[in-house]
Amino acid sequence: MASETVENYLKGIYAIEKHLDGKGVSTNAIAEHLQTKASSVSDMLKKLKQSGLVDYKKYHGASLTAEGRSKAIEIIRRHRLWEVFLVDKLNFKWDEVHDMAEQLEHVEGKALSDRLDAFLDFPRFDPHGDPIPDAEGRIRDDRQKQALSTLATKDRGVVVGVLDSSAPFLKYLDHLKLKLGTSLLVEEVIDFDKSVKIIVGKQSHSVSHQFAKNLLIQKEA
């Protein structure tokens, strides 16, 4: 039952499941994530259930089976490997690669993924800081990361990822000279609106609370 639509559903359910602590994913949540109609989601979930890729019961939501989760992780692995290839080997910017990787992720074949992984020297993270599943589908990420918004005045840290990978956000990060591996210092947290003043290099910037919630930092001791 391989198709781009099926793969998008599996990847979408996987992404939502991570935040639900074992609860079923509602049709409305899937519809919102995939920007489609709830009725279309219900029809697809029935087909995915028949194929053994999801457990689904009306009004109780859906969850991936072991086979469905394995397929979802493989799609994510391909997507993130292609993002690394596009940035590291073809010199695309990190705000340009998501849509291209969305297309390339549907080129199936474990041998292709494994050779791409080896060609890239087995990267652990994609250009946005997300961990890349290994050939066995294991996702290893031992970094102690937290949103910039959770840091206090005088805390120091290193940028390790983003929660918002939209082009506008990534371009704004480029404007501030913030990228993966960049060190920063929290100069001040403003009580009024929780905006944050940060120092990057010798430059001081004031960023909104919304911005700070979407930038992941590994705090330095």
Foldseek 3Di string as FASTA:
>chain_A
DADLVLLLLLLLQVVVVVPPVPFADQLVSSCVSVVHDSVVSVVVVVVCVVVQQWDDDPPRHIDGDPVSNLSNLQLQLQLQLVQQCCCVPVNDDLQPRNVVSSVRSSPDDLVVSQVSCVVSVNDQAGQQQAGHQDSVSDRDDPFPKAFQLPDAAFWKWFFRHWPDSHNVLSVVCVVVVHGGGFIKGFHHQDPPQRWTWIQGPNDIDIGGSVSRRTTMTRTDD
